[in-house]
């Protein structure tokens, strides 16, 4: 499990990206790249990392479910993800 500081930093980036999204689009359409550089660094959507919603883990995260592979497997085996079951043939 990742530290709470890492999770909080990522949440801050998500909030900043949402706050400055409209302004970034205006500046891009106008071609004002100097204005874009003056915006906060963490307001760029590319700096947001996909993290597991349960553990905060940053690797092996399935975007569709928002879970890392370990939690996905555990929840699937417990039947907590609708429509997912273990394959057998």
PDB file of N, CA and C in Angstrom:
ATOM      1  N   UNK A   1       0.838  -1.182   0.000  1.00  0.00           N
ATOM      2  CA  UNK A   1       0.000   0.000   0.000  1.00  0.00           C
ATOM      3  C   UNK A   1       0.881   1.243   0.000  1.00  0.00           C
ATOM      4  N   UNK A   2       0.540   2.184  -0.848  1.00  0.00           N
ATOM      5  CA  UNK A   2       1.351   3.395  -0.922  1.00  0.00           C
ATOM      6  C   UNK A   2       1.008   4.330   0.242  1.00  0.00           C
ATOM      7  N   UNK A   3       1.890   5.273   0.478  1.00  0.00           N
ATOM      8  CA  UNK A   3       1.697   6.173   1.606  1.00  0.00           C
ATOM      9  C   UNK A   3       0.532   7.120   1.343  1.00  0.00           C
ATOM     10  N   UNK A   4      -0.011   7.649   2.407  1.00  0.00           N
ATOM     11  CA  UNK A   4      -1.141   8.568   2.265  1.00  0.00           C
ATOM     12  C   UNK A   4      -0.712   9.872   1.601  1.00  0.00           C
ATOM     13  N   UNK A   5       0.559  10.242   1.734  1.00  0.00           N
ATOM     14  CA  UNK A   5       1.058  11.465   1.105  1.00  0.00           C
ATOM     15  C   UNK A   5       1.029  11.339  -0.419  1.00  0.00           C
ATOM     16  N   UNK A   6       1.363  10.164  -0.933  1.00  0.00           N
ATOM     17  CA  UNK A   6       1.361   9.933  -2.379  1.00  0.00           C
ATOM     18  C   UNK A   6      -0.066   9.988  -2.916  1.00  0.00           C
ATOM     19  N   UNK A   7      -0.995   9.395  -2.174  1.00  0.00           N
ATOM     20  CA  UNK A   7      -2.399   9.404  -2.582  1.00  0.00           C
ATOM     21  C   UNK A   7      -2.943  10.829  -2.541  1.00  0.00           C
ATOM     22  N   UNK A   8      -2.610  11.585  -1.492  1.00  0.00           N
ATOM     23  CA  UNK A   8      -3.075  12.967  -1.359  1.00  0.00           C
ATOM     24  C   UNK A   8      -2.503  13.841  -2.471  1.00  0.00           C
ATOM     25  N   UNK A   9      -1.253  13.618  -2.836  1.00  0.00           N
ATOM     26  CA  UNK A   9      -0.627  14.394  -3.908  1.00  0.00           C
ATOM     27  C   UNK A   9      -1.343  14.156  -5.228  1.00  0.00           C
ATOM     28  N   UNK A  10      -1.718  12.915  -5.478  1.00  0.00           N
ATOM     29  CA  UNK A  10      -2.428  12.584  -6.712  1.00  0.00           C
ATOM     30  C   UNK A  10      -3.829  13.209  -6.720  1.00  0.00           C
ATOM     31  N   UNK A  11      -4.501  13.225  -5.572  1.00  0.00           N
ATOM     32  CA  UNK A  11      -5.814  13.861  -5.482  1.00  0.00           C
ATOM     33  C   UNK A  11      -5.710  15.365  -5.725  1.00  0.00           C
ATOM     34  N   UNK A  12      -4.640  15.964  -5.236  1.00  0.00           N
ATOM     35  CA  UNK A  12      -4.412  17.392  -5.464  1.00  0.00           C
ATOM     36  C   UNK A  12      -4.227  17.671  -6.954  1.00  0.00           C
ATOM     37  N   UNK A  13      -3.499  16.797  -7.618  1.00  0.00           N
ATOM     38  CA  UNK A  13      -3.304  16.949  -9.065  1.00  0.00           C
ATOM     39  C   UNK A  13      -4.622  16.831  -9.815  1.00  0.00           C
ATOM     40  N   UNK A  14      -5.483  15.915  -9.379  1.00  0.00           N
ATOM     41  CA  UNK A  14      -6.790  15.763 -10.022  1.00  0.00           C
ATOM     42  C   UNK A  14      -7.638  17.019  -9.849  1.00  0.00           C
ATOM     43  N   UNK A  15      -7.623  17.596  -8.638  1.00  0.00           N
ATOM     44  CA  UNK A  15      -8.386  18.818  -8.394  1.00  0.00           C
ATOM     45  C   UNK A  15      -7.862  19.976  -9.232  1.00  0.00           C
ATOM     46  N   UNK A  16      -6.534  20.132  -9.298  1.00  0.00           N
ATOM     47  CA  UNK A  16      -5.939  21.217 -10.076  1.00  0.00           C
ATOM     48  C   UNK A  16      -6.224  21.059 -11.564  1.00  0.00           C
ATOM     49  N   UNK A  17      -6.166  19.836 -12.068  1.00  0.00           N
ATOM     50  CA  UNK A  17      -6.438  19.597 -13.486  1.00  0.00           C
ATOM     51  C   UNK A  17      -7.876  19.956 -13.823  1.00  0.00           C
ATOM     52  N   UNK A  18      -8.812  19.624 -12.924  1.00  0.00           N
ATOM     53  CA  UNK A  18     -10.212  19.967 -13.158  1.00  0.00           C
ATOM     54  C   UNK A  18     -10.424  21.471 -13.086  1.00  0.00           C
ATOM     55  N   UNK A  19      -9.741  22.131 -12.162  1.00  0.00           N
ATOM     56  CA  UNK A  19      -9.891  23.575 -11.975  1.00  0.00           C
ATOM     57  C   UNK A  19      -9.388  24.362 -13.183  1.00  0.00           C
ATOM     58  N   UNK A  20      -8.255  23.957 -13.738  1.00  0.00           N
ATOM     59  CA  UNK A  20      -7.628  24.707 -14.825  1.00  0.00           C
ATOM     60  C   UNK A  20      -7.935  24.153 -16.216  1.00  0.00           C
ATOM     61  N   UNK A  21      -8.831  23.184 -16.330  1.00  0.00           N
ATOM     62  CA  UNK A  21      -9.093  22.560 -17.638  1.00  0.00           C
ATOM     63  C   UNK A  21      -9.596  23.567 -18.657  1.00  0.00           C
ATOM     64  N   UNK A  22     -10.556  24.386 -18.291  1.00  0.00           N
ATOM     65  CA  UNK A  22     -11.116  25.372 -19.227  1.00  0.00           C
ATOM     66  C   UNK A  22     -10.065  26.400 -19.629  1.00  0.00           C
ATOM     67  N   UNK A  23      -9.307  26.869 -18.650  1.00  0.00           N
ATOM     68  CA  UNK A  23      -8.267  27.870 -18.935  1.00  0.00           C
ATOM     69  C   UNK A  23      -7.194  27.293 -19.866  1.00  0.00           C
ATOM     70  N   UNK A  24      -6.827  26.035 -19.647  1.00  0.00           N
ATOM     71  CA  UNK A  24      -5.827  25.396 -20.511  1.00  0.00           C
ATOM     72  C   UNK A  24      -6.330  25.309 -21.952  1.00  0.00           C
ATOM     73  N   UNK A  25      -7.606  24.964 -22.118  1.00  0.00           N
ATOM     74  CA  UNK A  25      -8.183  24.875 -23.468  1.00  0.00           C
ATOM     75  C   UNK A  25      -8.185  26.225 -24.163  1.00  0.00           C
ATOM     76  N   UNK A  26      -8.522  27.289 -23.422  1.00  0.00           N
ATOM     77  CA  UNK A  26      -8.517  28.638 -24.002  1.00  0.00           C
ATOM     78  C   UNK A  26      -7.116  29.027 -24.464  1.00  0.00           C
ATOM     79  N   UNK A  27      -6.131  28.774 -23.598  1.00  0.00           N
ATOM     80  CA  UNK A  27      -4.756  29.142 -23.930  1.00  0.00           C
ATOM     81  C   UNK A  27      -4.226  28.330 -25.113  1.00  0.00           C
ATOM     82  N   UNK A  28      -4.593  27.044 -25.175  1.00  0.00           N
ATOM     83  CA  UNK A  28      -4.157  26.216 -26.304  1.00  0.00           C
ATOM     84  C   UNK A  28      -4.779  26.692 -27.600  1.00  0.00           C
ATOM     85  N   UNK A  29      -6.076  27.046 -27.561  1.00  0.00           N
ATOM     86  CA  UNK A  29      -6.755  27.507 -28.770  1.00  0.00           C
ATOM     87  C   UNK A  29      -6.172  28.826 -29.254  1.00  0.00           C
ATOM     88  N   UNK A  30      -5.769  29.683 -28.304  1.00  0.00           N
ATOM     89  CA  UNK A  30      -5.186  30.969 -28.673  1.00  0.00           C
ATOM     90  C   UNK A  30      -3.721  30.836 -29.076  1.00  0.00           C
ATOM     91  N   UNK A  31      -3.109  29.728 -28.770  1.00  0.00           N
ATOM     92  CA  UNK A  31      -1.695  29.517 -29.099  1.00  0.00           C
ATOM     93  C   UNK A  31      -0.759  30.229 -28.133  1.00  0.00           C
ATOM     94  N   UNK A  32      -1.260  30.563 -26.954  1.00  0.00           N
ATOM     95  CA  UNK A  32      -0.468  31.269 -25.949  1.00  0.00           C
ATOM     96  C   UNK A  32       0.279  30.258 -25.086  1.00  0.00           C
ATOM     97  N   UNK A  33       1.445  29.825 -25.557  1.00  0.00           N
ATOM     98  CA  UNK A  33       2.202  28.808 -24.838  1.00  0.00           C
ATOM     99  C   UNK A  33       2.941  29.375 -23.638  1.00  0.00           C
ATOM    100  N   UNK A  34       3.236  30.667 -23.654  1.00  0.00           N
ATOM    101  CA  UNK A  34       3.851  31.285 -22.481  1.00  0.00           C
ATOM    102  C   UNK A  34       2.864  31.324 -21.321  1.00  0.00           C
ATOM    103  N   UNK A  35       1.609  31.580 -21.636  1.00  0.00           N
ATOM    104  CA  UNK A  35       0.571  31.565 -20.604  1.00  0.00           C
ATOM    105  C   UNK A  35       0.380  30.170 -20.035  1.00  0.00           C
ATOM    106  N   UNK A  36       0.500  29.158 -20.879  1.00  0.00           N
ATOM    107  CA  UNK A  36       0.393  27.769 -20.413  1.00  0.00           C
ATOM    108  C   UNK A  36       1.515  27.437 -19.440  1.00  0.00           C
ATOM    109  N   UNK A  37       2.702  27.951 -19.717  1.00  0.00           N
ATOM    110  CA  UNK A  37       3.839  27.657 -18.842  1.00  0.00           C
ATOM    111  C   UNK A  37       3.705  28.314 -17.483  1.00  0.00           C
ATOM    112  N   UNK A  38       2.910  29.388 -17.398  1.00  0.00           N
ATOM    113  CA  UNK A  38       2.741  30.084 -16.124  1.00  0.00           C
ATOM    114  C   UNK A  38       1.719  29.399 -15.221  1.00  0.00           C
ATOM    115  N   UNK A  39       0.943  28.480 -15.778  1.00  0.00           N
ATOM    116  CA  UNK A  39      -0.008  27.729 -14.958  1.00  0.00           C
ATOM    117  C   UNK A  39       0.759  26.765 -14.054  1.00  0.00           C
ATOM    118  N   UNK A  40       0.145  26.323 -12.952  1.00  0.00           N
ATOM    119  CA  UNK A  40       0.830  25.355 -12.069  1.00  0.00           C
ATOM    120  C   UNK A  40       1.173  24.063 -12.811  1.00  0.00           C
ATOM    121  N   UNK A  41       2.298  23.512 -12.475  1.00  0.00           N
ATOM    122  CA  UNK A  41       2.767  22.299 -13.132  1.00  0.00           C
ATOM    123  C   UNK A  41       1.806  21.138 -12.952  1.00  0.00           C
ATOM    124  N   UNK A  42       1.261  21.021 -11.745  1.00  0.00           N
ATOM    125  CA  UNK A  42       0.374  19.908 -11.439  1.00  0.00           C
ATOM    126  C   UNK A  42      -1.018  20.061 -12.029  1.00  0.00           C
ATOM    127  N   UNK A  43      -1.273  21.150 -12.756  1.00  0.00           N
ATOM    128  CA  UNK A  43      -2.577  21.314 -13.394  1.00  0.00           C
ATOM    129  C   UNK A  43      -2.637  20.600 -14.739  1.00  0.00           C
ATOM    130  N   UNK A  44      -1.512  20.046 -15.184  1.00  0.00           N
ATOM    131  CA  UNK A  44      -1.482  19.307 -16.447  1.00  0.00           C
ATOM    132  C   UNK A  44      -2.087  17.918 -16.232  1.00  0.00           C
ATOM    133  N   UNK A  45      -3.037  17.507 -17.083  1.00  0.00           N
ATOM    134  CA  UNK A  45      -3.674  16.203 -16.887  1.00  0.00           C
ATOM    135  C   UNK A  45      -2.724  15.020 -17.075  1.00  0.00           C
ATOM    136  N   UNK A  46      -1.600  15.224 -17.731  1.00  0.00           N
ATOM    137  CA  UNK A  46      -0.668  14.117 -17.929  1.00  0.00           C
ATOM    138  C   UNK A  46       0.072  13.748 -16.649  1.00  0.00           C
ATOM    139  N   UNK A  47       0.025  14.613 -15.637  1.00  0.00           N
ATOM    140  CA  UNK A  47       0.727  14.330 -14.384  1.00  0.00           C
ATOM    141  C   UNK A  47      -0.112  13.485 -13.426  1.00  0.00           C
ATOM    142  N   UNK A  48      -1.371  13.228 -13.783  1.00  0.00           N
ATOM    143  CA  UNK A  48      -2.233  12.406 -12.937  1.00  0.00           C
ATOM    144  C   UNK A  48      -1.898  10.941 -13.165  1.00  0.00           C
ATOM    145  N   UNK A  49      -1.716  10.217 -12.084  1.00  0.00           N
ATOM    146  CA  UNK A  49      -1.368   8.793 -12.162  1.00  0.00           C
ATOM    147  C   UNK A  49      -2.595   7.955 -11.825  1.00  0.00           C
ATOM    148  N   UNK A  50      -2.838   6.906 -12.603  1.00  0.00           N
ATOM    149  CA  UNK A  50      -3.921   5.987 -12.276  1.00  0.00           C
ATOM    150  C   UNK A  50      -3.511   5.179 -11.056  1.00  0.00           C
ATOM    151  N   UNK A  51      -4.324   5.232 -10.013  1.00  0.00           N
ATOM    152  CA  UNK A  51      -4.042   4.521  -8.782  1.00  0.00           C
ATOM    153  C   UNK A  51      -5.232   3.686  -8.372  1.00  0.00           C
ATOM    154  N   UNK A  52      -4.956   2.597  -7.683  1.00  0.00           N
ATOM    155  CA  UNK A  52      -6.001   1.718  -7.161  1.00  0.00           C
ATOM    156  C   UNK A  52      -6.818   2.488  -6.125  1.00  0.00           C
ATOM    157  N   UNK A  53      -8.149   2.371  -6.219  1.00  0.00           N
ATOM    158  CA  UNK A  53      -9.007   3.094  -5.284  1.00  0.00           C
ATOM    159  C   UNK A  53      -8.986   2.484  -3.888  1.00  0.00           C
ATOM    160  N   UNK A  54      -8.590   1.225  -3.774  1.00  0.00           N
ATOM    161  CA  UNK A  54      -8.578   0.552  -2.471  1.00  0.00           C
ATOM    162  C   UNK A  54      -7.234   0.726  -1.777  1.00  0.00           C
ATOM    163  N   UNK A  55      -6.153   0.384  -2.478  1.00  0.00           N
ATOM    164  CA  UNK A  55      -4.835   0.374  -1.847  1.00  0.00           C
ATOM    165  C   UNK A  55      -3.978   1.585  -2.198  1.00  0.00           C
ATOM    166  N   UNK A  56      -4.276   2.276  -3.288  1.00  0.00           N
ATOM    167  CA  UNK A  56      -3.456   3.402  -3.714  1.00  0.00           C
ATOM    168  C   UNK A  56      -2.262   2.981  -4.539  1.00  0.00           C
ATOM    169  N   UNK A  57      -2.178   1.693  -4.871  1.00  0.00           N
ATOM    170  CA  UNK A  57      -1.058   1.159  -5.647  1.00  0.00           C
ATOM    171  C   UNK A  57      -1.054   1.768  -7.051  1.00  0.00           C
ATOM    172  N   UNK A  58       0.128   2.062  -7.580  1.00  0.00           N
ATOM    173  CA  UNK A  58       0.234   2.755  -8.858  1.00  0.00           C
ATOM    174  C   UNK A  58       0.557   1.866 -10.043  1.00  0.00           C
ATOM    175  N   UNK A  59       0.805   0.600  -9.812  1.00  0.00           N
ATOM    176  CA  UNK A  59       1.155  -0.293 -10.924  1.00  0.00           C
ATOM    177  C   UNK A  59       0.105  -1.373 -11.083  1.00  0.00           C
ATOM    178  N   UNK A  60      -0.112  -1.786 -12.313  1.00  0.00           N
ATOM    179  CA  UNK A  60      -1.054  -2.860 -12.597  1.00  0.00           C
ATOM    180  C   UNK A  60      -2.487  -2.469 -12.319  1.00  0.00           C
ATOM    181  N   UNK A  61      -2.851  -1.225 -12.661  1.00  0.00           N
ATOM    182  CA  UNK A  61      -4.201  -0.737 -12.385  1.00  0.00           C
ATOM    183  C   UNK A  61      -5.053  -0.870 -13.637  1.00  0.00           C
ATOM    184  N   UNK A  62      -6.212  -1.528 -13.510  1.00  0.00           N
ATOM    185  CA  UNK A  62      -7.167  -1.627 -14.601  1.00  0.00           C
ATOM    186  C   UNK A  62      -8.030  -0.373 -14.582  1.00  0.00           C
ATOM    187  N   UNK A  63      -7.933   0.424 -15.650  1.00  0.00           N
ATOM    188  CA  UNK A  63      -8.620   1.701 -15.706  1.00  0.00           C
ATOM    189  C   UNK A  63     -10.135   1.542 -15.619  1.00  0.00           C
ATOM    190  N   UNK A  64     -10.660   0.505 -16.256  1.00  0.00           N
ATOM    191  CA  UNK A  64     -12.107   0.303 -16.295  1.00  0.00           C
ATOM    192  C   UNK A  64     -12.699   0.087 -14.905  1.00  0.00           C
ATOM    193  N   UNK A  65     -11.952  -0.577 -14.034  1.00  0.00           N
ATOM    194  CA  UNK A  65     -12.451  -0.905 -12.705  1.00  0.00           C
ATOM    195  C   UNK A  65     -11.857  -0.029 -11.608  1.00  0.00           C
ATOM    196  N   UNK A  66     -10.733   0.629 -11.884  1.00  0.00           N
ATOM    197  CA  UNK A  66     -10.087   1.466 -10.881  1.00  0.00           C
ATOM    198  C   UNK A  66      -9.418   0.662  -9.786  1.00  0.00           C
ATOM    199  N   UNK A  67      -9.085  -0.596 -10.092  1.00  0.00           N
ATOM    200  CA  UNK A  67      -8.467  -1.478  -9.107  1.00  0.00           C
ATOM    201  C   UNK A  67      -7.140  -2.012  -9.627  1.00  0.00           C
ATOM    202  N   UNK A  68      -6.212  -2.276  -8.699  1.00  0.00           N
ATOM    203  CA  UNK A  68      -4.974  -2.931  -9.105  1.00  0.00           C
ATOM    204  C   UNK A  68      -5.271  -4.410  -9.328  1.00  0.00           C
ATOM    205  N   UNK A  69      -4.357  -5.091  -9.963  1.00  0.00           N
ATOM    206  CA  UNK A  69      -4.600  -6.480 -10.357  1.00  0.00           C
ATOM    207  C   UNK A  69      -4.859  -7.383  -9.160  1.00  0.00           C
ATOM    208  N   UNK A  70      -4.194  -7.115  -8.048  1.00  0.00           N
ATOM    209  CA  UNK A  70      -4.374  -7.950  -6.860  1.00  0.00           C
ATOM    210  C   UNK A  70      -5.777  -7.803  -6.277  1.00  0.00           C
ATOM    211  N   UNK A  71      -6.231  -6.560  -6.144  1.00  0.00           N
ATOM    212  CA  UNK A  71      -7.561  -6.303  -5.591  1.00  0.00           C
ATOM    213  C   UNK A  71      -8.639  -6.763  -6.568  1.00  0.00           C
ATOM    214  N   UNK A  72      -8.362  -6.610  -7.876  1.00  0.00           N
ATOM    215  CA  UNK A  72      -9.323  -7.067  -8.877  1.00  0.00           C
ATOM    216  C   UNK A  72      -9.546  -8.567  -8.740  1.00  0.00           C
ATOM    217  N   UNK A  73      -8.455  -9.316  -8.602  1.00  0.00           N
ATOM    218  CA  UNK A  73      -8.560 -10.772  -8.475  1.00  0.00           C
ATOM    219  C   UNK A  73      -9.294 -11.156  -7.197  1.00  0.00           C
ATOM    220  N   UNK A  74      -8.947 -10.496  -6.116  1.00  0.00           N
ATOM    221  CA  UNK A  74      -9.575 -10.800  -4.832  1.00  0.00           C
ATOM    222  C   UNK A  74     -11.080 -10.514  -4.880  1.00  0.00           C
ATOM    223  N   UNK A  75     -11.458  -9.342  -5.376  1.00  0.00           N
ATOM    224  CA  UNK A  75     -12.875  -8.978  -5.439  1.00  0.00           C
ATOM    225  C   UNK A  75     -13.638  -9.858  -6.419  1.00  0.00           C
ATOM    226  N   UNK A  76     -12.978 -10.243  -7.528  1.00  0.00           N
ATOM    227  CA  UNK A  76     -13.643 -11.101  -8.510  1.00  0.00           C
ATOM    228  C   UNK A  76     -13.920 -12.485  -7.917  1.00  0.00           C
ATOM    229  N   UNK A  77     -12.955 -13.018  -7.196  1.00  0.00           N
ATOM    230  CA  UNK A  77     -13.148 -14.329  -6.579  1.00  0.00           C
ATOM    231  C   UNK A  77     -14.206 -14.290  -5.480  1.00  0.00           C
ATOM    232  N   UNK A  78     -14.334 -13.160  -4.809  1.00  0.00           N
ATOM    233  CA  UNK A  78     -15.355 -13.013  -3.771  1.00  0.00           C
ATOM    234  C   UNK A  78     -16.723 -12.686  -4.354  1.00  0.00           C
ATOM    235  N   UNK A  79     -16.772 -12.411  -5.667  1.00  0.00           N
ATOM    236  CA  UNK A  79     -18.039 -12.099  -6.313  1.00  0.00           C
ATOM    237  C   UNK A  79     -18.503 -10.675  -6.095  1.00  0.00           C
ATOM    238  N   UNK A  80     -17.591  -9.768  -5.802  1.00  0.00           N
ATOM    239  CA  UNK A  80     -17.955  -8.380  -5.516  1.00  0.00           C
ATOM    240  C   UNK A  80     -17.959  -7.490  -6.757  1.00  0.00           C
ATOM    241  N   UNK A  81     -17.495  -8.026  -7.895  1.00  0.00           N
ATOM    242  CA  UNK A  81     -17.531  -7.268  -9.149  1.00  0.00           C
ATOM    243  C   UNK A  81     -18.594  -7.904 -10.031  1.00  0.00           C
ATOM    244  N   UNK A  82     -19.677  -7.186 -10.317  1.00  0.00           N
ATOM    245  CA  UNK A  82     -20.763  -7.769 -11.114  1.00  0.00           C
ATOM    246  C   UNK A  82     -20.310  -8.134 -12.522  1.00  0.00           C
ATOM    247  N   UNK A  83     -20.695  -9.305 -12.970  1.00  0.00           N
ATOM    248  CA  UNK A  83     -20.387  -9.739 -14.330  1.00  0.00           C
ATOM    249  C   UNK A  83     -19.029 -10.364 -14.516  1.00  0.00           C
ATOM    250  N   UNK A  84     -18.234 -10.452 -13.488  1.00  0.00           N
ATOM    251  CA  UNK A  84     -16.889 -11.026 -13.590  1.00  0.00           C
ATOM    252  C   UNK A  84     -16.879 -12.354 -12.841  1.00  0.00           C
ATOM    253  N   UNK A  85     -16.376 -13.387 -13.527  1.00  0.00           N
ATOM    254  CA  UNK A  85     -16.185 -14.674 -12.843  1.00  0.00           C
ATOM    255  C   UNK A  85     -14.965 -15.346 -13.440  1.00  0.00           C
ATOM    256  N   UNK A  86     -14.436 -16.279 -12.720  1.00  0.00           N
ATOM    257  CA  UNK A  86     -13.218 -16.978 -13.135  1.00  0.00           C
ATOM    258  C   UNK A  86     -13.508 -17.851 -14.339  1.00  0.00           C
ATOM    259  N   UNK A  87     -12.617 -17.802 -15.308  1.00  0.00           N
ATOM    260  CA  UNK A  87     -12.798 -18.586 -16.521  1.00  0.00           C
ATOM    261  C   UNK A  87     -12.502 -20.058 -16.256  1.00  0.00           C
ATOM    262  N   UNK A  88     -13.275 -20.914 -16.886  1.00  0.00           N
ATOM    263  CA  UNK A  88     -12.994 -22.346 -16.824  1.00  0.00           C
ATOM    264  C   UNK A  88     -13.499 -22.979 -18.123  1.00  0.00           C
ATOM    265  N   UNK A  89     -12.649 -23.767 -18.738  1.00  0.00           N
ATOM    266  CA  UNK A  89     -13.037 -24.445 -19.987  1.00  0.00           C
ATOM    267  C   UNK A  89     -12.408 -25.799 -20.084  1.00  0.00           C
TER     268      UNK A  89
END
